[in-house]
Amino acid sequence: MVSQKVVIKNPTGLHLRPAGILCKEAMQFKSLITFTFRGNTANAKSVLSVLGACVKSGDEIEVICEGEDETEALETLVKAIESGLGE
């Protein structure tokens, strides 16, 4: 298991479009990919789970990857989040 904290940079937080991009990135990997925010855990491969976390701009989440390609998955997701998820 690997994890890293990352701050959401896009101005509107994780609304539908960036949540979809995050899920699309996460689904490329076999690993279980989740993130924690305010004590709750969300499945990064589920748009509804990501939206339900209600993550806003400036919030810090911890991305957690567990599985055979966990290191590559973590690097890819952190880069996607830091680049603003298409915004």
PDB file of N, CA and C in Angstrom:
ATOM      1  N   MET A   1       0.840  -1.188   0.000  1.00  0.00           N
ATOM      2  CA  MET A   1       0.000   0.000   0.000  1.00  0.00           C
ATOM      3  C   MET A   1       0.879   1.243   0.000  1.00  0.00           C
ATOM      4  N   VAL A   2       0.536   2.182  -0.876  1.00  0.00           N
ATOM      5  CA  VAL A   2       1.223   3.466  -0.909  1.00  0.00           C
ATOM      6  C   VAL A   2       0.172   4.567  -0.823  1.00  0.00           C
ATOM      7  N   SER A   3       0.549   5.708  -0.243  1.00  0.00           N
ATOM      8  CA  SER A   3      -0.395   6.818  -0.152  1.00  0.00           C
ATOM      9  C   SER A   3       0.351   8.144  -0.192  1.00  0.00           C
ATOM     10  N   GLN A   4      -0.375   9.179  -0.567  1.00  0.00           N
ATOM     11  CA  GLN A   4       0.202  10.521  -0.613  1.00  0.00           C
ATOM     12  C   GLN A   4      -0.905  11.541  -0.457  1.00  0.00           C
ATOM     13  N   LYS A   5      -0.605  12.597   0.306  1.00  0.00           N
ATOM     14  CA  LYS A   5      -1.572  13.683   0.451  1.00  0.00           C
ATOM     15  C   LYS A   5      -1.381  14.670  -0.689  1.00  0.00           C
ATOM     16  N   VAL A   6      -2.496  15.191  -1.190  1.00  0.00           N
ATOM     17  CA  VAL A   6      -2.453  16.131  -2.299  1.00  0.00           C
ATOM     18  C   VAL A   6      -3.592  17.136  -2.127  1.00  0.00           C
ATOM     19  N   VAL A   7      -3.329  18.388  -2.505  1.00  0.00           N
ATOM     20  CA  VAL A   7      -4.323  19.457  -2.386  1.00  0.00           C
ATOM     21  C   VAL A   7      -5.046  19.624  -3.721  1.00  0.00           C
ATOM     22  N   ILE A   8      -6.365  19.731  -3.666  1.00  0.00           N
ATOM     23  CA  ILE A   8      -7.175  19.942  -4.866  1.00  0.00           C
ATOM     24  C   ILE A   8      -6.984  21.385  -5.325  1.00  0.00           C
ATOM     25  N   LYS A   9      -6.509  21.546  -6.564  1.00  0.00           N
ATOM     26  CA  LYS A   9      -6.161  22.885  -7.046  1.00  0.00           C
ATOM     27  C   LYS A   9      -7.221  23.519  -7.939  1.00  0.00           C
ATOM     28  N   ASN A  10      -8.023  22.697  -8.629  1.00  0.00           N
ATOM     29  CA  ASN A  10      -8.977  23.307  -9.547  1.00  0.00           C
ATOM     30  C   ASN A  10     -10.014  24.124  -8.768  1.00  0.00           C
ATOM     31  N   PRO A  11     -10.393  25.292  -9.294  1.00  0.00           N
ATOM     32  CA  PRO A  11     -11.197  26.261  -8.547  1.00  0.00           C
ATOM     33  C   PRO A  11     -12.577  25.772  -8.121  1.00  0.00           C
ATOM     34  N   THR A  12     -13.141  24.800  -8.813  1.00  0.00           N
ATOM     35  CA  THR A  12     -14.496  24.351  -8.485  1.00  0.00           C
ATOM     36  C   THR A  12     -14.513  23.061  -7.685  1.00  0.00           C
ATOM     37  N   GLY A  13     -13.354  22.535  -7.298  1.00  0.00           N
ATOM     38  CA  GLY A  13     -13.305  21.295  -6.537  1.00  0.00           C
ATOM     39  C   GLY A  13     -13.602  20.092  -7.428  1.00  0.00           C
ATOM     40  N   LEU A  14     -13.999  18.987  -6.816  1.00  0.00           N
ATOM     41  CA  LEU A  14     -14.265  17.762  -7.577  1.00  0.00           C
ATOM     42  C   LEU A  14     -15.742  17.686  -7.956  1.00  0.00           C
ATOM     43  N   HIS A  15     -16.159  18.533  -8.909  1.00  0.00           N
ATOM     44  CA  HIS A  15     -17.513  18.432  -9.445  1.00  0.00           C
ATOM     45  C   HIS A  15     -17.503  17.400 -10.569  1.00  0.00           C
ATOM     46  N   LEU A  16     -18.557  17.299 -11.352  1.00  0.00           N
ATOM     47  CA  LEU A  16     -18.742  16.178 -12.273  1.00  0.00           C
ATOM     48  C   LEU A  16     -17.600  15.977 -13.272  1.00  0.00           C
ATOM     49  N   ARG A  17     -17.174  17.033 -13.969  1.00  0.00           N
ATOM     50  CA  ARG A  17     -16.142  16.852 -15.000  1.00  0.00           C
ATOM     51  C   ARG A  17     -14.811  16.383 -14.410  1.00  0.00           C
ATOM     52  N   PRO A  18     -14.242  17.078 -13.413  1.00  0.00           N
ATOM     53  CA  PRO A  18     -12.972  16.577 -12.858  1.00  0.00           C
ATOM     54  C   PRO A  18     -13.115  15.232 -12.144  1.00  0.00           C
ATOM     55  N   ALA A  19     -14.274  14.969 -11.556  1.00  0.00           N
ATOM     56  CA  ALA A  19     -14.493  13.664 -10.923  1.00  0.00           C
ATOM     57  C   ALA A  19     -14.453  12.567 -11.978  1.00  0.00           C
ATOM     58  N   GLY A  20     -15.033  12.833 -13.139  1.00  0.00           N
ATOM     59  CA  GLY A  20     -15.008  11.872 -14.242  1.00  0.00           C
ATOM     60  C   GLY A  20     -13.600  11.618 -14.746  1.00  0.00           C
ATOM     61  N   ILE A  21     -12.803  12.690 -14.831  1.00  0.00           N
ATOM     62  CA  ILE A  21     -11.410  12.556 -15.275  1.00  0.00           C
ATOM     63  C   ILE A  21     -10.611  11.740 -14.255  1.00  0.00           C
ATOM     64  N   LEU A  22     -10.828  12.012 -12.977  1.00  0.00           N
ATOM     65  CA  LEU A  22     -10.140  11.267 -11.917  1.00  0.00           C
ATOM     66  C   LEU A  22     -10.490   9.776 -11.998  1.00  0.00           C
ATOM     67  N   CYS A  23     -11.773   9.469 -12.184  1.00  0.00           N
ATOM     68  CA  CYS A  23     -12.209   8.070 -12.284  1.00  0.00           C
ATOM     69  C   CYS A  23     -11.618   7.398 -13.513  1.00  0.00           C
ATOM     70  N   LYS A  24     -11.594   8.117 -14.630  1.00  0.00           N
ATOM     71  CA  LYS A  24     -11.044   7.561 -15.872  1.00  0.00           C
ATOM     72  C   LYS A  24      -9.567   7.203 -15.681  1.00  0.00           C
ATOM     73  N   GLU A  25      -8.826   8.079 -15.021  1.00  0.00           N
ATOM     74  CA  GLU A  25      -7.409   7.813 -14.734  1.00  0.00           C
ATOM     75  C   GLU A  25      -7.280   6.588 -13.809  1.00  0.00           C
ATOM     76  N   ALA A  26      -8.102   6.539 -12.768  1.00  0.00           N
ATOM     77  CA  ALA A  26      -8.014   5.463 -11.781  1.00  0.00           C
ATOM     78  C   ALA A  26      -8.352   4.108 -12.398  1.00  0.00           C
ATOM     79  N   MET A  27      -9.288   4.082 -13.346  1.00  0.00           N
ATOM     80  CA  MET A  27      -9.739   2.815 -13.926  1.00  0.00           C
ATOM     81  C   MET A  27      -8.698   2.157 -14.827  1.00  0.00           C
ATOM     82  N   GLN A  28      -7.624   2.874 -15.152  1.00  0.00           N
ATOM     83  CA  GLN A  28      -6.556   2.295 -15.976  1.00  0.00           C
ATOM     84  C   GLN A  28      -5.733   1.273 -15.186  1.00  0.00           C
ATOM     85  N   PHE A  29      -5.891   1.267 -13.867  1.00  0.00           N
ATOM     86  CA  PHE A  29      -5.042   0.442 -13.010  1.00  0.00           C
ATOM     87  C   PHE A  29      -5.835  -0.677 -12.344  1.00  0.00           C
ATOM     88  N   LYS A  30      -5.133  -1.770 -12.048  1.00  0.00           N
ATOM     89  CA  LYS A  30      -5.759  -2.918 -11.388  1.00  0.00           C
ATOM     90  C   LYS A  30      -5.888  -2.697  -9.885  1.00  0.00           C
ATOM     91  N   SER A  31      -5.042  -1.830  -9.327  1.00  0.00           N
ATOM     92  CA  SER A  31      -5.020  -1.603  -7.880  1.00  0.00           C
ATOM     93  C   SER A  31      -6.337  -1.031  -7.366  1.00  0.00           C
ATOM     94  N   LEU A  32      -6.595  -1.280  -6.084  1.00  0.00           N
ATOM     95  CA  LEU A  32      -7.693  -0.631  -5.386  1.00  0.00           C
ATOM     96  C   LEU A  32      -7.245   0.806  -5.123  1.00  0.00           C
ATOM     97  N   ILE A  33      -8.008   1.773  -5.596  1.00  0.00           N
ATOM     98  CA  ILE A  33      -7.623   3.174  -5.440  1.00  0.00           C
ATOM     99  C   ILE A  33      -8.745   3.912  -4.713  1.00  0.00           C
ATOM    100  N   THR A  34      -8.400   4.441  -3.539  1.00  0.00           N
ATOM    101  CA  THR A  34      -9.362   5.198  -2.743  1.00  0.00           C
ATOM    102  C   THR A  34      -8.718   6.506  -2.311  1.00  0.00           C
ATOM    103  N   PHE A  35      -9.530   7.395  -1.758  1.00  0.00           N
ATOM    104  CA  PHE A  35      -8.949   8.562  -1.095  1.00  0.00           C
ATOM    105  C   PHE A  35      -9.755   8.861   0.154  1.00  0.00           C
ATOM    106  N   THR A  36      -9.073   9.423   1.139  1.00  0.00           N
ATOM    107  CA  THR A  36      -9.744   9.789   2.380  1.00  0.00           C
ATOM    108  C   THR A  36      -9.842  11.305   2.462  1.00  0.00           C
ATOM    109  N   PHE A  37     -10.973  11.749   2.987  1.00  0.00           N
ATOM    110  CA  PHE A  37     -11.229  13.182   3.157  1.00  0.00           C
ATOM    111  C   PHE A  37     -12.184  13.334   4.334  1.00  0.00           C
ATOM    112  N   ARG A  38     -11.770  14.097   5.335  1.00  0.00           N
ATOM    113  CA  ARG A  38     -12.573  14.341   6.539  1.00  0.00           C
ATOM    114  C   ARG A  38     -13.075  13.044   7.181  1.00  0.00           C
ATOM    115  N   GLY A  39     -12.201  12.059   7.250  1.00  0.00           N
ATOM    116  CA  GLY A  39     -12.541  10.811   7.917  1.00  0.00           C
ATOM    117  C   GLY A  39     -13.352   9.832   7.088  1.00  0.00           C
ATOM    118  N   ASN A  40     -13.731  10.215   5.875  1.00  0.00           N
ATOM    119  CA  ASN A  40     -14.494   9.325   5.001  1.00  0.00           C
ATOM    120  C   ASN A  40     -13.597   8.801   3.890  1.00  0.00           C
ATOM    121  N   THR A  41     -13.906   7.605   3.412  1.00  0.00           N
ATOM    122  CA  THR A  41     -13.146   7.002   2.327  1.00  0.00           C
ATOM    123  C   THR A  41     -14.024   6.937   1.087  1.00  0.00           C
ATOM    124  N   ALA A  42     -13.462   7.359  -0.059  1.00  0.00           N
ATOM    125  CA  ALA A  42     -14.193   7.318  -1.327  1.00  0.00           C
ATOM    126  C   ALA A  42     -13.441   6.439  -2.314  1.00  0.00           C
ATOM    127  N   ASN A  43     -14.178   5.713  -3.137  1.00  0.00           N
ATOM    128  CA  ASN A  43     -13.611   4.880  -4.193  1.00  0.00           C
ATOM    129  C   ASN A  43     -13.301   5.785  -5.387  1.00  0.00           C
ATOM    130  N   ALA A  44     -12.032   5.898  -5.751  1.00  0.00           N
ATOM    131  CA  ALA A  44     -11.633   6.790  -6.845  1.00  0.00           C
ATOM    132  C   ALA A  44     -12.089   6.281  -8.209  1.00  0.00           C
ATOM    133  N   LYS A  45     -12.571   5.043  -8.272  1.00  0.00           N
ATOM    134  CA  LYS A  45     -13.045   4.495  -9.546  1.00  0.00           C
ATOM    135  C   LYS A  45     -14.554   4.674  -9.717  1.00  0.00           C
ATOM    136  N   SER A  46     -15.209   5.331  -8.761  1.00  0.00           N
ATOM    137  CA  SER A  46     -16.655   5.551  -8.811  1.00  0.00           C
ATOM    138  C   SER A  46     -16.958   7.049  -8.809  1.00  0.00           C
ATOM    139  N   VAL A  47     -17.557   7.539  -9.895  1.00  0.00           N
ATOM    140  CA  VAL A  47     -17.887   8.969  -9.987  1.00  0.00           C
ATOM    141  C   VAL A  47     -18.805   9.374  -8.840  1.00  0.00           C
ATOM    142  N   LEU A  48     -19.802   8.552  -8.532  1.00  0.00           N
ATOM    143  CA  LEU A  48     -20.730   8.892  -7.448  1.00  0.00           C
ATOM    144  C   LEU A  48     -20.017   8.963  -6.095  1.00  0.00           C
ATOM    145  N   SER A  49     -19.081   8.066  -5.876  1.00  0.00           N
ATOM    146  CA  SER A  49     -18.321   8.069  -4.629  1.00  0.00           C
ATOM    147  C   SER A  49     -17.460   9.332  -4.527  1.00  0.00           C
ATOM    148  N   VAL A  50     -16.820   9.711  -5.637  1.00  0.00           N
ATOM    149  CA  VAL A  50     -15.982  10.921  -5.657  1.00  0.00           C
ATOM    150  C   VAL A  50     -16.842  12.163  -5.428  1.00  0.00           C
ATOM    151  N   LEU A  51     -17.979  12.253  -6.122  1.00  0.00           N
ATOM    152  CA  LEU A  51     -18.871  13.401  -5.954  1.00  0.00           C
ATOM    153  C   LEU A  51     -19.415  13.474  -4.534  1.00  0.00           C
ATOM    154  N   GLY A  52     -19.723  12.311  -3.962  1.00  0.00           N
ATOM    155  CA  GLY A  52     -20.276  12.252  -2.619  1.00  0.00           C
ATOM    156  C   GLY A  52     -19.321  12.711  -1.533  1.00  0.00           C
ATOM    157  N   ALA A  53     -18.037  12.752  -1.840  1.00  0.00           N
ATOM    158  CA  ALA A  53     -17.041  13.202  -0.856  1.00  0.00           C
ATOM    159  C   ALA A  53     -17.095  14.716  -0.650  1.00  0.00           C
ATOM    160  N   CYS A  54     -17.704  15.441  -1.595  1.00  0.00           N
ATOM    161  CA  CYS A  54     -17.868  16.905  -1.507  1.00  0.00           C
ATOM    162  C   CYS A  54     -16.539  17.628  -1.293  1.00  0.00           C
ATOM    163  N   VAL A  55     -15.551  17.307  -2.122  1.00  0.00           N
ATOM    164  CA  VAL A  55     -14.227  17.912  -2.006  1.00  0.00           C
ATOM    165  C   VAL A  55     -14.216  19.249  -2.764  1.00  0.00           C
ATOM    166  N   LYS A  56     -13.785  20.298  -2.073  1.00  0.00           N
ATOM    167  CA  LYS A  56     -13.749  21.651  -2.650  1.00  0.00           C
ATOM    168  C   LYS A  56     -12.311  22.051  -2.964  1.00  0.00           C
ATOM    169  N   SER A  57     -12.175  23.148  -3.667  1.00  0.00           N
ATOM    170  CA  SER A  57     -10.853  23.682  -3.982  1.00  0.00           C
ATOM    171  C   SER A  57     -10.095  24.010  -2.696  1.00  0.00           C
ATOM    172  N   GLY A  58      -8.825  23.633  -2.654  1.00  0.00           N
ATOM    173  CA  GLY A  58      -7.994  23.898  -1.481  1.00  0.00           C
ATOM    174  C   GLY A  58      -8.037  22.795  -0.431  1.00  0.00           C
ATOM    175  N   ASP A  59      -8.971  21.846  -0.563  1.00  0.00           N
ATOM    176  CA  ASP A  59      -9.047  20.728   0.385  1.00  0.00           C
ATOM    177  C   ASP A  59      -7.899  19.751   0.133  1.00  0.00           C
ATOM    178  N   GLU A  60      -7.441  19.123   1.191  1.00  0.00           N
ATOM    179  CA  GLU A  60      -6.377  18.124   1.074  1.00  0.00           C
ATOM    180  C   GLU A  60      -6.981  16.733   1.221  1.00  0.00           C
ATOM    181  N   ILE A  61      -6.686  15.871   0.246  1.00  0.00           N
ATOM    182  CA  ILE A  61      -7.130  14.479   0.317  1.00  0.00           C
ATOM    183  C   ILE A  61      -5.894  13.589   0.371  1.00  0.00           C
ATOM    184  N   GLU A  62      -6.078  12.371   0.860  1.00  0.00           N
ATOM    185  CA  GLU A  62      -4.985  11.396   0.844  1.00  0.00           C
ATOM    186  C   GLU A  62      -5.367  10.279  -0.116  1.00  0.00           C
ATOM    187  N   VAL A  63      -4.607  10.159  -1.201  1.00  0.00           N
ATOM    188  CA  VAL A  63      -4.844   9.117  -2.199  1.00  0.00           C
ATOM    189  C   VAL A  63      -4.135   7.852  -1.741  1.00  0.00           C
ATOM    190  N   ILE A  64      -4.868   6.731  -1.745  1.00  0.00           N
ATOM    191  CA  ILE A  64      -4.329   5.456  -1.272  1.00  0.00           C
ATOM    192  C   ILE A  64      -4.472   4.423  -2.386  1.00  0.00           C
ATOM    193  N   CYS A  65      -3.363   3.781  -2.750  1.00  0.00           N
ATOM    194  CA  CYS A  65      -3.369   2.761  -3.801  1.00  0.00           C
ATOM    195  C   CYS A  65      -2.829   1.461  -3.224  1.00  0.00           C
ATOM    196  N   GLU A  66      -3.526   0.368  -3.544  1.00  0.00           N
ATOM    197  CA  GLU A  66      -3.143  -0.929  -3.003  1.00  0.00           C
ATOM    198  C   GLU A  66      -3.316  -1.986  -4.088  1.00  0.00           C
ATOM    199  N   GLY A  67      -2.196  -2.599  -4.492  1.00  0.00           N
ATOM    200  CA  GLY A  67      -2.262  -3.639  -5.511  1.00  0.00           C
ATOM    201  C   GLY A  67      -0.972  -3.726  -6.307  1.00  0.00           C
ATOM    202  N   GLU A  68      -1.006  -4.513  -7.383  1.00  0.00           N
ATOM    203  CA  GLU A  68       0.219  -4.807  -8.130  1.00  0.00           C
ATOM    204  C   GLU A  68       0.828  -3.609  -8.842  1.00  0.00           C
ATOM    205  N   ASP A  69       0.017  -2.615  -9.242  1.00  0.00           N
ATOM    206  CA  ASP A  69       0.551  -1.434  -9.937  1.00  0.00           C
ATOM    207  C   ASP A  69       0.350  -0.161  -9.109  1.00  0.00           C
ATOM    208  N   GLU A  70       0.404  -0.308  -7.776  1.00  0.00           N
ATOM    209  CA  GLU A  70       0.079   0.787  -6.861  1.00  0.00           C
ATOM    210  C   GLU A  70       0.980   2.018  -7.017  1.00  0.00           C
ATOM    211  N   THR A  71       2.282   1.817  -7.197  1.00  0.00           N
ATOM    212  CA  THR A  71       3.198   2.951  -7.293  1.00  0.00           C
ATOM    213  C   THR A  71       2.908   3.786  -8.531  1.00  0.00           C
ATOM    214  N   GLU A  72       2.747   3.120  -9.668  1.00  0.00           N
ATOM    215  CA  GLU A  72       2.433   3.820 -10.919  1.00  0.00           C
ATOM    216  C   GLU A  72       1.069   4.514 -10.823  1.00  0.00           C
ATOM    217  N   ALA A  73       0.104   3.849 -10.208  1.00  0.00           N
ATOM    218  CA  ALA A  73      -1.234   4.425 -10.049  1.00  0.00           C
ATOM    219  C   ALA A  73      -1.176   5.694  -9.208  1.00  0.00           C
ATOM    220  N   LEU A  74      -0.443   5.650  -8.106  1.00  0.00           N
ATOM    221  CA  LEU A  74      -0.342   6.813  -7.227  1.00  0.00           C
ATOM    222  C   LEU A  74       0.304   7.983  -7.956  1.00  0.00           C
ATOM    223  N   GLU A  75       1.406   7.730  -8.663  1.00  0.00           N
ATOM    224  CA  GLU A  75       2.086   8.798  -9.406  1.00  0.00           C
ATOM    225  C   GLU A  75       1.157   9.430 -10.436  1.00  0.00           C
ATOM    226  N   THR A  76       0.427   8.602 -11.176  1.00  0.00           N
ATOM    227  CA  THR A  76      -0.462   9.096 -12.220  1.00  0.00           C
ATOM    228  C   THR A  76      -1.591   9.944 -11.640  1.00  0.00           C
ATOM    229  N   LEU A  77      -2.209   9.472 -10.562  1.00  0.00           N
ATOM    230  CA  LEU A  77      -3.326  10.214  -9.977  1.00  0.00           C
ATOM    231  C   LEU A  77      -2.875  11.517  -9.336  1.00  0.00           C
ATOM    232  N   VAL A  78      -1.746  11.507  -8.656  1.00  0.00           N
ATOM    233  CA  VAL A  78      -1.238  12.736  -8.041  1.00  0.00           C
ATOM    234  C   VAL A  78      -0.921  13.771  -9.118  1.00  0.00           C
ATOM    235  N   LYS A  79      -0.298  13.331 -10.223  1.00  0.00           N
ATOM    236  CA  LYS A  79      -0.012  14.254 -11.331  1.00  0.00           C
ATOM    237  C   LYS A  79      -1.284  14.821 -11.919  1.00  0.00           C
ATOM    238  N   ALA A  80      -2.314  13.981 -12.092  1.00  0.00           N
ATOM    239  CA  ALA A  80      -3.587  14.439 -12.652  1.00  0.00           C
ATOM    240  C   ALA A  80      -4.248  15.471 -11.734  1.00  0.00           C
ATOM    241  N   ILE A  81      -4.232  15.217 -10.448  1.00  0.00           N
ATOM    242  CA  ILE A  81      -4.849  16.152  -9.488  1.00  0.00           C
ATOM    243  C   ILE A  81      -4.062  17.455  -9.455  1.00  0.00           C
ATOM    244  N   GLU A  82      -2.730  17.368  -9.421  1.00  0.00           N
ATOM    245  CA  GLU A  82      -1.907  18.583  -9.367  1.00  0.00           C
ATOM    246  C   GLU A  82      -2.010  19.411 -10.638  1.00  0.00           C
ATOM    247  N   SER A  83      -2.335  18.763 -11.771  1.00  0.00           N
ATOM    248  CA  SER A  83      -2.470  19.514 -13.013  1.00  0.00           C
ATOM    249  C   SER A  83      -3.863  20.134 -13.164  1.00  0.00           C
ATOM    250  N   GLY A  84      -4.756  19.899 -12.179  1.00  0.00           N
ATOM    251  CA  GLY A  84      -6.070  20.533 -12.185  1.00  0.00           C
ATOM    252  C   GLY A  84      -7.185  19.710 -12.796  1.00  0.00           C
ATOM    253  N   LEU A  85      -6.931  18.466 -13.141  1.00  0.00           N
ATOM    254  CA  LEU A  85      -7.961  17.569 -13.687  1.00  0.00           C
ATOM    255  C   LEU A  85      -8.699  18.190 -14.863  1.00  0.00           C
ATOM    256  N   GLY A  86      -7.962  18.752 -15.801  1.00  0.00           N
ATOM    257  CA  GLY A  86      -8.551  19.273 -17.027  1.00  0.00           C
ATOM    258  C   GLY A  86      -9.124  20.661 -16.932  1.00  0.00           C
ATOM    259  N   GLU A  87      -8.909  21.343 -15.832  1.00  0.00           N
ATOM    260  CA  GLU A  87      -9.450  22.713 -15.690  1.00  0.00           C
ATOM    261  C   GLU A  87      -8.350  23.735 -15.613  1.00  0.00           C
TER     262      GLU A  87
END
